[in-house]
């Protein structure tokens, strides 16, 4: 799994989480990312719309039902 995949997995498991909690989760899972790698992965996931940010916390963006199904089927 690449850095984005690990970060997304951590956020899925943690719910609302800050960078510190994400790093702790990844360290416990045996995946060490530098602060720069974590920041870049978070920025990339935000740009893709996979996660959302509120203050310094991140979470997986909630599904929107029919729109997500359409996007998955036809690839945005």
C-alpha atoms as a PDB file:
ATOM      1  CA  UNK A   1       0.000   0.000   0.000  1.00  0.00           C
ATOM      2  CA  UNK A   2       1.308   3.484  -0.799  1.00  0.00           C
ATOM      3  CA  UNK A   3       1.374   6.453   1.602  1.00  0.00           C
ATOM      4  CA  UNK A   4      -2.081   7.687   0.545  1.00  0.00           C
ATOM      5  CA  UNK A   5      -3.526   4.238   1.070  1.00  0.00           C
ATOM      6  CA  UNK A   6      -2.049   3.983   4.560  1.00  0.00           C
ATOM      7  CA  UNK A   7      -3.252   7.451   5.529  1.00  0.00           C
ATOM      8  CA  UNK A   8      -6.744   6.756   4.216  1.00  0.00           C
ATOM      9  CA  UNK A   9      -6.816   3.434   6.103  1.00  0.00           C
ATOM     10  CA  UNK A  10      -5.765   5.199   9.314  1.00  0.00           C
ATOM     11  CA  UNK A  11      -8.471   7.848   8.939  1.00  0.00           C
ATOM     12  CA  UNK A  12     -11.100   5.174   8.219  1.00  0.00           C
ATOM     13  CA  UNK A  13     -10.174   3.399  11.448  1.00  0.00           C
ATOM     14  CA  UNK A  14      -9.855   6.530  13.595  1.00  0.00           C
ATOM     15  CA  UNK A  15     -12.773   8.670  12.425  1.00  0.00           C
ATOM     16  CA  UNK A  16     -11.995  12.344  13.071  1.00  0.00           C
ATOM     17  CA  UNK A  17      -8.228  12.460  13.576  1.00  0.00           C
ATOM     18  CA  UNK A  18      -5.385  14.938  13.500  1.00  0.00           C
ATOM     19  CA  UNK A  19      -1.926  14.397  12.087  1.00  0.00           C
ATOM     20  CA  UNK A  20      -0.587  13.292  15.476  1.00  0.00           C
ATOM     21  CA  UNK A  21      -3.208  10.544  15.852  1.00  0.00           C
ATOM     22  CA  UNK A  22      -2.703   9.405  12.262  1.00  0.00           C
ATOM     23  CA  UNK A  23       1.069   9.170  12.771  1.00  0.00           C
ATOM     24  CA  UNK A  24       0.594   7.216  16.001  1.00  0.00           C
ATOM     25  CA  UNK A  25      -1.760   4.767  14.258  1.00  0.00           C
ATOM     26  CA  UNK A  26       0.681   4.294  11.374  1.00  0.00           C
ATOM     27  CA  UNK A  27       3.631   3.819  13.739  1.00  0.00           C
ATOM     28  CA  UNK A  28       1.701   1.140  15.653  1.00  0.00           C
ATOM     29  CA  UNK A  29       0.833  -0.551  12.346  1.00  0.00           C
ATOM     30  CA  UNK A  30       4.547  -0.635  11.478  1.00  0.00           C
ATOM     31  CA  UNK A  31       4.310   1.923   8.671  1.00  0.00           C
ATOM     32  CA  UNK A  32       6.536   4.909   9.263  1.00  0.00           C
ATOM     33  CA  UNK A  33       5.898   8.022   7.203  1.00  0.00           C
ATOM     34  CA  UNK A  34       7.807  11.254   7.426  1.00  0.00           C
ATOM     35  CA  UNK A  35       5.904  14.403   8.292  1.00  0.00           C
ATOM     36  CA  UNK A  36       6.344  15.555   4.690  1.00  0.00           C
ATOM     37  CA  UNK A  37       4.938  12.276   3.288  1.00  0.00           C
ATOM     38  CA  UNK A  38       1.952  12.490   5.639  1.00  0.00           C
ATOM     39  CA  UNK A  39       1.255  16.116   4.720  1.00  0.00           C
ATOM     40  CA  UNK A  40       1.489  15.374   0.990  1.00  0.00           C
ATOM     41  CA  UNK A  41      -0.804  12.348   1.320  1.00  0.00           C
ATOM     42  CA  UNK A  42      -3.379  14.409   3.229  1.00  0.00           C
ATOM     43  CA  UNK A  43      -3.251  17.201   0.627  1.00  0.00           C
ATOM     44  CA  UNK A  44      -3.659  14.692  -2.183  1.00  0.00           C
ATOM     45  CA  UNK A  45      -6.607  12.946  -0.500  1.00  0.00           C
ATOM     46  CA  UNK A  46      -8.256  16.327   0.117  1.00  0.00           C
ATOM     47  CA  UNK A  47      -7.776  17.311  -3.534  1.00  0.00           C
ATOM     48  CA  UNK A  48      -9.325  13.999  -4.658  1.00  0.00           C
ATOM     49  CA  UNK A  49     -12.293  14.552  -2.372  1.00  0.00           C
ATOM     50  CA  UNK A  50     -11.652  11.303  -0.489  1.00  0.00           C
ATOM     51  CA  UNK A  51     -11.397  13.044   2.887  1.00  0.00           C
ATOM     52  CA  UNK A  52     -12.631  16.262   4.423  1.00  0.00           C
ATOM     53  CA  UNK A  53     -10.971  18.637   6.858  1.00  0.00           C
ATOM     54  CA  UNK A  54     -12.430  20.573   9.750  1.00  0.00           C
ATOM     55  CA  UNK A  55      -9.821  22.660  11.505  1.00  0.00           C
ATOM     56  CA  UNK A  56      -6.864  20.354  12.065  1.00  0.00           C
ATOM     57  CA  UNK A  57      -8.938  17.165  11.945  1.00  0.00           C
ATOM     58  CA  UNK A  58      -9.590  14.873   9.009  1.00  0.00           C
ATOM     59  CA  UNK A  59     -12.190  12.200   8.267  1.00  0.00           C
ATOM     60  CA  UNK A  60     -13.378  10.136   5.342  1.00  0.00           C
ATOM     61  CA  UNK A  61     -15.831  12.144   3.287  1.00  0.00           C
ATOM     62  CA  UNK A  62     -19.353  10.785   3.765  1.00  0.00           C
ATOM     63  CA  UNK A  63     -20.901   8.974   0.835  1.00  0.00           C
ATOM     64  CA  UNK A  64     -23.546  10.821  -1.150  1.00  0.00           C
ATOM     65  CA  UNK A  65     -25.464   7.773  -2.319  1.00  0.00           C
ATOM     66  CA  UNK A  66     -26.549   7.826  -5.933  1.00  0.00           C
ATOM     67  CA  UNK A  67     -23.884  10.305  -7.020  1.00  0.00           C
ATOM     68  CA  UNK A  68     -21.072   8.096  -5.644  1.00  0.00           C
ATOM     69  CA  UNK A  69     -22.559   5.030  -7.347  1.00  0.00           C
ATOM     70  CA  UNK A  70     -22.724   6.882 -10.652  1.00  0.00           C
ATOM     71  CA  UNK A  71     -19.140   8.137 -10.280  1.00  0.00           C
ATOM     72  CA  UNK A  72     -17.837   4.664  -9.427  1.00  0.00           C
ATOM     73  CA  UNK A  73     -19.680   3.157 -12.359  1.00  0.00           C
ATOM     74  CA  UNK A  74     -18.659   5.723 -14.961  1.00  0.00           C
ATOM     75  CA  UNK A  75     -15.432   7.061 -13.445  1.00  0.00           C
ATOM     76  CA  UNK A  76     -16.236  10.723 -12.748  1.00  0.00           C
END
